[in-house]
Protein backbone atom coordinates (compact mmCIF):
# COMPACT_ATOMS: atom_id res chain seq x y z
CA UNK A 1 92.16 -195.75 -46.05
CA UNK A 2 93.20 -197.90 -49.01
CA UNK A 3 96.36 -199.38 -50.43
CA UNK A 4 97.08 -196.43 -52.75
CA UNK A 5 97.06 -193.91 -49.94
CA UNK A 6 98.91 -195.88 -47.29
CA UNK A 7 102.01 -196.87 -49.23
CA UNK A 8 104.58 -194.11 -49.20
CA UNK A 9 106.42 -195.17 -52.34
CA UNK A 10 106.60 -197.73 -55.09
CA UNK A 11 109.48 -199.01 -57.11
CA UNK A 12 108.45 -197.91 -60.57
CA UNK A 13 110.77 -199.34 -63.18
CA UNK A 14 110.28 -197.84 -66.61
CA UNK A 15 111.49 -200.20 -69.29
CA UNK A 16 113.74 -198.53 -71.81
CA UNK A 17 113.93 -200.49 -75.03
CA UNK A 18 117.33 -200.26 -76.69
CA UNK A 19 117.93 -201.60 -80.16
CA UNK A 20 121.39 -203.07 -80.38
CA UNK A 21 122.63 -204.29 -83.76
CA UNK A 22 125.40 -206.84 -83.51
CA UNK A 23 126.55 -209.94 -85.24
CA UNK A 24 125.57 -212.05 -82.26
CA UNK A 25 122.00 -213.05 -81.32
CA UNK A 26 120.00 -210.82 -79.00
CA UNK A 27 119.34 -211.94 -75.43
CA UNK A 28 115.82 -211.15 -74.19
CA UNK A 29 114.87 -211.30 -70.50
CA UNK A 30 111.13 -211.61 -69.86
CA UNK A 31 109.75 -210.27 -66.58
CA UNK A 32 106.22 -209.92 -65.30
CA UNK A 33 105.01 -206.32 -65.67
CA UNK A 34 103.64 -206.33 -62.10
CA UNK A 35 105.28 -207.95 -59.07
CA UNK A 36 102.86 -207.71 -56.14
CA UNK A 37 103.57 -208.47 -52.46
CA UNK A 38 103.83 -212.12 -51.52
CA UNK A 39 104.38 -214.24 -48.41
CA UNK A 40 107.56 -216.14 -47.75
CA UNK A 41 106.90 -218.26 -44.61
CA UNK A 42 109.32 -217.28 -41.89
CA UNK A 43 110.31 -219.83 -39.28
CA UNK A 44 109.96 -218.44 -35.80
CA UNK A 45 110.06 -219.55 -32.19
CA UNK A 46 106.89 -217.55 -31.60
CA UNK A 47 104.06 -219.63 -30.18
CA UNK A 48 100.92 -218.32 -31.84
CA UNK A 49 97.74 -219.13 -29.91
CA UNK A 50 94.60 -219.77 -31.93
CA UNK A 51 92.92 -216.37 -32.40
CA UNK A 52 89.49 -216.19 -30.80
CA UNK A 53 86.80 -213.88 -32.20
CA UNK A 54 83.61 -213.24 -30.26
CA UNK A 55 80.81 -211.26 -31.91
CA UNK A 56 77.00 -210.93 -31.96
CA UNK A 57 75.05 -212.48 -34.80
CA UNK A 58 71.27 -212.61 -35.03
CA UNK A 59 70.11 -213.66 -31.54
CA UNK A 60 73.36 -215.36 -30.50
CA UNK A 61 76.89 -214.57 -29.40
CA UNK A 62 79.26 -216.38 -31.75
CA UNK A 63 82.73 -217.59 -30.81
CA UNK A 64 85.08 -218.50 -33.66
CA UNK A 65 88.54 -219.94 -33.20
CA UNK A 66 90.79 -221.49 -35.85
CA UNK A 67 94.55 -222.18 -35.95
CA UNK A 68 97.06 -220.14 -37.95
CA UNK A 69 100.51 -221.31 -38.99
CA UNK A 70 102.95 -219.04 -37.12
CA UNK A 71 105.49 -219.17 -39.98
CA UNK A 72 102.88 -217.91 -42.47
CA UNK A 73 101.76 -215.15 -40.15
CA UNK A 74 105.37 -214.10 -39.47
CA UNK A 75 106.10 -214.15 -43.20
CA UNK A 76 103.05 -211.99 -43.89
CA UNK A 77 104.08 -209.46 -41.25
CA UNK A 78 107.62 -209.30 -42.60
CA UNK A 79 106.64 -209.17 -46.29
CA UNK A 80 107.60 -206.22 -48.44
CA UNK A 81 104.25 -204.63 -49.18
CA UNK A 82 105.41 -202.56 -52.15
CA UNK A 83 104.31 -203.42 -55.69
CA UNK A 84 106.95 -203.29 -58.44
CA UNK A 85 105.75 -202.09 -61.83
CA UNK A 86 107.70 -202.47 -65.05
CA UNK A 87 106.64 -200.56 -68.11
CA UNK A 88 103.61 -198.43 -68.85
CA UNK A 89 101.04 -200.25 -66.72
CA UNK A 90 97.70 -198.62 -65.93
CA UNK A 91 96.82 -198.07 -62.29
CA UNK A 92 93.71 -200.23 -62.67
CA UNK A 93 95.82 -203.21 -63.71
CA UNK A 94 98.45 -203.05 -60.98
CA UNK A 95 95.91 -202.21 -58.26
CA UNK A 96 93.83 -205.22 -59.28
CA UNK A 97 96.88 -207.49 -59.48
CA UNK A 98 98.08 -206.33 -56.07
CA UNK A 99 94.83 -206.93 -54.21
CA UNK A 100 94.15 -210.27 -55.87
CA UNK A 101 97.67 -211.47 -55.09
CA UNK A 102 97.24 -210.53 -51.42
CA UNK A 103 93.91 -212.34 -51.21
CA UNK A 104 95.02 -215.48 -53.05
CA UNK A 105 98.58 -215.90 -51.82
CA UNK A 106 98.90 -219.71 -51.77
CA UNK A 107 100.53 -219.73 -48.35
CA UNK A 108 97.19 -218.56 -46.87
CA UNK A 109 95.10 -221.47 -48.16
CA UNK A 110 95.50 -223.51 -44.98
CA UNK A 111 94.41 -220.47 -42.97
CA UNK A 112 91.28 -220.11 -45.11
CA UNK A 113 90.55 -223.83 -44.85
CA UNK A 114 90.67 -223.83 -41.03
CA UNK A 115 88.62 -220.63 -40.69
CA UNK A 116 85.98 -221.73 -43.18
CA UNK A 117 85.68 -225.08 -41.41
CA UNK A 118 84.92 -223.20 -38.18
CA UNK A 119 82.41 -220.98 -39.97
CA UNK A 120 80.65 -224.00 -41.48
CA UNK A 121 80.31 -225.54 -38.05
CA UNK A 122 78.43 -222.44 -36.88
CA UNK A 123 76.34 -222.44 -40.08
CA UNK A 124 75.26 -226.03 -39.56
CA UNK A 125 74.60 -225.56 -35.84
CA UNK A 126 72.44 -222.48 -36.42
CA UNK A 127 70.81 -223.97 -39.56
CA UNK A 128 71.68 -220.89 -41.65
CA UNK A 129 70.66 -220.49 -45.29
CA UNK A 130 73.03 -219.10 -47.93
CA UNK A 131 72.02 -215.47 -47.23
CA UNK A 132 72.46 -215.86 -43.48
CA UNK A 133 75.77 -217.67 -43.94
CA UNK A 134 77.08 -214.76 -46.04
CA UNK A 135 75.91 -212.40 -43.28
CA UNK A 136 77.68 -214.53 -40.66
CA UNK A 137 81.01 -214.14 -42.44
CA UNK A 138 80.31 -210.46 -43.02
CA UNK A 139 79.54 -209.77 -39.36
CA UNK A 140 82.72 -211.63 -38.29
CA UNK A 141 84.80 -209.24 -40.42
CA UNK A 142 82.76 -206.17 -39.42
CA UNK A 143 83.34 -207.04 -35.74
CA UNK A 144 87.11 -206.78 -36.19
CA UNK A 145 88.35 -203.50 -34.76
CA UNK A 146 88.70 -200.76 -37.34
CA UNK A 147 91.90 -198.78 -37.20
CA UNK A 148 93.76 -196.76 -39.77
CA UNK A 149 97.14 -195.14 -40.11
CA UNK A 150 98.87 -193.44 -43.04
CA UNK A 151 102.12 -195.15 -42.00
CA UNK A 152 100.94 -198.77 -42.00
CA UNK A 153 101.15 -200.86 -45.19
CA UNK A 154 98.19 -203.03 -46.21
CA UNK A 155 97.71 -206.40 -44.55
CA UNK A 156 97.29 -209.89 -45.90
CA UNK A 157 93.99 -211.45 -44.73
CA UNK A 158 95.83 -213.74 -42.33
CA UNK A 159 97.29 -210.69 -40.60
CA UNK A 160 93.94 -208.97 -40.19
CA UNK A 161 92.46 -212.13 -38.67
CA UNK A 162 95.28 -212.66 -36.19
CA UNK A 163 95.76 -208.96 -35.34
CA UNK A 164 91.99 -208.51 -34.83
CA UNK A 165 92.28 -205.08 -36.39
CA UNK A 166 92.48 -203.53 -39.83
CA UNK A 167 91.59 -200.74 -42.23
CA UNK A 168 88.82 -200.79 -44.82
CA UNK A 169 90.97 -202.52 -47.42
CA UNK A 170 92.43 -204.99 -44.89
CA UNK A 171 88.99 -206.08 -43.79
CA UNK A 172 87.58 -206.10 -47.32
CA UNK A 173 90.38 -208.41 -48.54
CA UNK A 174 89.61 -210.84 -45.72
CA UNK A 175 85.86 -210.88 -46.40
CA UNK A 176 86.28 -211.22 -50.17
CA UNK A 177 88.70 -214.09 -49.62
CA UNK A 178 86.21 -215.93 -47.43
CA UNK A 179 83.14 -215.33 -49.57
CA UNK A 180 84.84 -216.26 -52.82
CA UNK A 181 86.01 -219.56 -51.35
CA UNK A 182 82.48 -220.34 -50.24
CA UNK A 183 81.20 -219.91 -53.78
CA UNK A 184 79.75 -216.39 -53.71
CA UNK A 185 80.07 -214.05 -56.70
CA UNK A 186 82.03 -211.25 -55.04
CA UNK A 187 84.21 -208.30 -55.89
CA UNK A 188 86.21 -205.55 -54.29
CA UNK A 189 84.84 -202.02 -54.74
CA UNK A 190 87.80 -199.64 -54.66
CA UNK A 191 87.05 -195.90 -54.33
CA UNK A 192 90.43 -194.26 -54.96
CA UNK A 193 89.43 -190.56 -54.56
CA UNK A 194 87.78 -191.29 -51.21
CA UNK A 195 90.56 -193.67 -50.04
CA UNK A 196 87.93 -196.32 -49.32
CA UNK A 197 87.21 -199.93 -50.13
CA UNK A 198 84.15 -202.13 -49.73
CA UNK A 199 83.02 -205.56 -50.90
CA UNK A 200 80.39 -206.29 -53.53
CA UNK A 201 78.18 -209.37 -53.89
CA UNK A 202 75.67 -210.07 -56.64
CA UNK A 203 72.15 -209.26 -55.46
CA UNK A 204 69.50 -208.71 -58.18
CA UNK A 205 67.39 -206.33 -56.05
CA UNK A 206 70.13 -204.06 -54.76
CA UNK A 207 72.69 -203.25 -57.48
CA UNK A 208 75.07 -200.44 -56.47
CA UNK A 209 75.81 -197.79 -59.13
CA UNK A 210 75.53 -200.16 -62.09
CA UNK A 211 78.52 -202.19 -60.87
CA UNK A 212 76.66 -205.50 -61.05
CA UNK A 213 77.08 -205.87 -57.29
CA UNK A 214 75.41 -204.72 -54.12
CA UNK A 215 77.42 -202.95 -51.44
CA UNK A 216 78.90 -204.44 -48.25
CA UNK A 217 80.54 -202.07 -45.76
CA UNK A 218 83.25 -203.81 -43.71
CA UNK A 219 84.38 -201.11 -41.30
CA UNK A 220 81.40 -201.46 -38.93
CA UNK A 221 78.15 -203.37 -38.47
CA UNK A 222 75.91 -202.68 -41.47
CA UNK A 223 73.23 -204.59 -43.37
CA UNK A 224 74.39 -206.22 -46.60
CA UNK A 225 73.20 -204.03 -49.46
CA UNK A 226 73.21 -200.70 -47.59
CA UNK A 227 75.91 -198.21 -48.57
CA UNK A 228 76.83 -195.46 -46.08
CA UNK A 229 75.88 -191.91 -46.93
CA UNK A 230 79.20 -190.68 -45.54
CA UNK A 231 82.47 -192.23 -44.37
CA UNK A 232 84.45 -191.44 -41.23
CA UNK A 233 85.08 -187.73 -41.11
CA UNK A 234 81.88 -186.94 -43.01
CA UNK A 235 83.39 -187.77 -46.41
CA UNK A 236 80.79 -188.63 -49.05
CA UNK A 237 81.30 -191.35 -51.65
CA UNK A 238 81.05 -189.51 -54.96
CA UNK A 239 83.19 -191.61 -57.29
CA UNK A 240 82.33 -194.80 -59.16
CA UNK A 241 84.41 -197.69 -57.86
CA UNK A 242 86.98 -199.79 -59.60
CA UNK A 243 85.35 -203.23 -59.59
CA UNK A 244 87.81 -206.09 -58.96
CA UNK A 245 86.20 -209.48 -59.41
CA UNK A 246 87.40 -212.08 -56.91
CA UNK A 247 87.18 -215.83 -57.56
CA UNK A 248 84.78 -217.82 -59.69
CA UNK A 249 81.76 -218.09 -57.38
CA UNK A 250 78.17 -218.06 -58.59
CA UNK A 251 76.12 -217.77 -55.38
CA UNK A 252 74.14 -214.58 -54.93
CA UNK A 253 72.58 -212.74 -51.99
CA UNK A 254 68.78 -212.64 -52.08
CA UNK A 255 67.81 -210.40 -49.14
CA UNK A 256 68.75 -206.94 -50.36
CA UNK A 257 65.12 -205.86 -50.49
CA UNK A 258 64.72 -206.46 -46.75
CA UNK A 259 68.01 -204.72 -45.96
CA UNK A 260 66.97 -201.68 -47.98
CA UNK A 261 63.50 -201.71 -46.40
CA UNK A 262 65.00 -201.73 -42.91
CA UNK A 263 67.28 -198.87 -43.88
CA UNK A 264 64.32 -196.87 -45.19
CA UNK A 265 62.41 -197.53 -41.94
CA UNK A 266 65.49 -196.45 -39.99
CA UNK A 267 65.53 -193.12 -41.82
CA UNK A 268 61.77 -192.54 -41.85
CA UNK A 269 61.42 -193.36 -38.14
CA UNK A 270 64.04 -190.75 -37.33
CA UNK A 271 62.17 -188.17 -39.42
CA UNK A 272 58.89 -189.17 -37.78
CA UNK A 273 60.41 -188.56 -34.35
CA UNK A 274 61.49 -185.08 -35.47
CA UNK A 275 58.09 -184.27 -36.98
CA UNK A 276 56.20 -185.55 -33.95
CA UNK A 277 58.45 -183.54 -31.64
CA UNK A 278 57.47 -180.36 -33.47
CA UNK A 279 53.77 -181.25 -33.21
CA UNK A 280 54.11 -182.15 -29.52
CA UNK A 281 55.95 -178.93 -28.70
CA UNK A 282 53.35 -176.88 -30.57
CA UNK A 283 50.51 -178.66 -28.81
CA UNK A 284 52.19 -178.29 -25.44
CA UNK A 285 52.47 -174.53 -25.94
CA UNK A 286 48.79 -174.40 -26.87
CA UNK A 287 47.79 -176.45 -23.80
CA UNK A 288 49.90 -174.25 -21.54
CA UNK A 289 47.90 -171.30 -22.81
CA UNK A 290 44.57 -172.98 -21.97
CA UNK A 291 45.94 -174.02 -18.59
CA UNK A 292 46.94 -170.44 -17.82
CA UNK A 293 43.40 -169.29 -18.77
CA UNK A 294 41.87 -172.00 -16.58
CA UNK A 295 40.13 -173.33 -19.70
CA UNK A 296 39.73 -176.92 -18.55
CA UNK A 297 37.46 -177.94 -21.44
CA UNK A 298 39.89 -177.12 -24.26
CA UNK A 299 42.84 -178.33 -22.19
CA UNK A 300 41.24 -181.72 -21.47
CA UNK A 301 40.18 -182.19 -25.09
CA UNK A 302 43.86 -182.05 -26.11
CA UNK A 303 45.24 -184.41 -23.44
CA UNK A 304 44.43 -187.67 -25.32
CA UNK A 305 45.84 -186.18 -28.53
CA UNK A 306 49.01 -185.18 -26.70
CA UNK A 307 49.35 -188.64 -25.14
CA UNK A 308 48.82 -190.35 -28.49
CA UNK A 309 51.52 -188.24 -30.12
CA UNK A 310 53.88 -189.03 -27.25
CA UNK A 311 53.16 -192.75 -27.61
CA UNK A 312 53.83 -192.74 -31.35
CA UNK A 313 57.05 -190.77 -30.95
CA UNK A 314 58.30 -193.30 -28.40
CA UNK A 315 57.40 -196.19 -30.72
CA UNK A 316 59.21 -194.64 -33.69
CA UNK A 317 62.24 -193.88 -31.48
CA UNK A 318 62.34 -197.49 -30.24
CA UNK A 319 62.12 -198.85 -33.81
CA UNK A 320 64.88 -196.47 -34.94
CA UNK A 321 67.16 -197.43 -32.05
CA UNK A 322 66.50 -201.15 -32.42
CA UNK A 323 67.55 -201.13 -36.08
CA UNK A 324 70.61 -199.05 -35.24
CA UNK A 325 71.67 -201.44 -32.48
CA UNK A 326 70.99 -204.67 -34.46
CA UNK A 327 72.82 -204.16 -37.75
CA UNK A 328 74.19 -207.67 -37.22
CA UNK A 329 70.69 -209.21 -37.28
CA UNK A 330 68.70 -208.46 -40.45
CA UNK A 331 66.20 -211.23 -39.83
CA UNK A 332 65.51 -210.27 -36.22
CA UNK A 333 65.31 -206.57 -37.05
CA UNK A 334 62.77 -207.35 -39.75
CA UNK A 335 60.63 -209.29 -37.29
CA UNK A 336 60.87 -206.49 -34.71
CA UNK A 337 59.84 -203.81 -37.23
CA UNK A 338 56.89 -205.88 -38.42
CA UNK A 339 55.63 -206.24 -34.83
CA UNK A 340 56.34 -202.72 -33.56
CA UNK A 341 56.26 -200.14 -36.36
CA UNK A 342 53.42 -197.69 -35.68
CA UNK A 343 50.70 -197.44 -38.29
């Protein structure tokens, strides 16, 4: 659920312009039309241990730990999450200003610096290319527990990282903040009617709905470039998103074609299992009839056909399940499919 749907109220101040004619000069007070949430560091006696995140990535189990300033975290938790709007401001403008302010609040820069340093250490150790490094950061955020509540306000990225939990917008803000600081051309994709948010990254082979970006789901493990058919609760994504560009990065993602191929194999293998099950059941009924008639010749002729269908169904099922269970490992899933997909 996104920012719009989780905040119960906003302070909407409509500016009334009054023309006052006097002998004296007029006094004009200039105010920003949008005042988004911000962090005021709050000194606290709380000892904040370094958060530790453990998650699977490719063929490894990754452990990430980086320090967080307790005063920044406390200030983020205590911050007023309402956005103040003055004047006739479109929803697109204040929504964009709000999310960007929460991503780029200057008090979070040290948090980003420490976390990115830890991520780069893993990148260098695992010898990851730019696509795999983007996937590493994506899987970290996807591994954070998804939870939603209509009563909770949105979180700053530092909160989501420390709390190890967040909604779709909480997790998307964190991922967009990381990717933009590592030079990727990223955006937020905000679907207001569906109360959903995702992240977009430029990928020439996998553009999503003419947005200029491909789709990254943050609520669960999912290949970069593959949009879900439905959200939690069976809700379909029918609207075009508000695209909110984040940062000035230029790096792109170049593996959308493989992600989309794996997704197509995932779907086709499931359909093949269903089709083969129908053929197997039909053949089994036919063989039962020959068995009842003691027609060994016709029965035996169909045994190798039956066994071959069973073998292929098992192979398709294994490919389907492997892709499903390895959404954090595009490269490994691609290698598995190449070696095991039935012809």
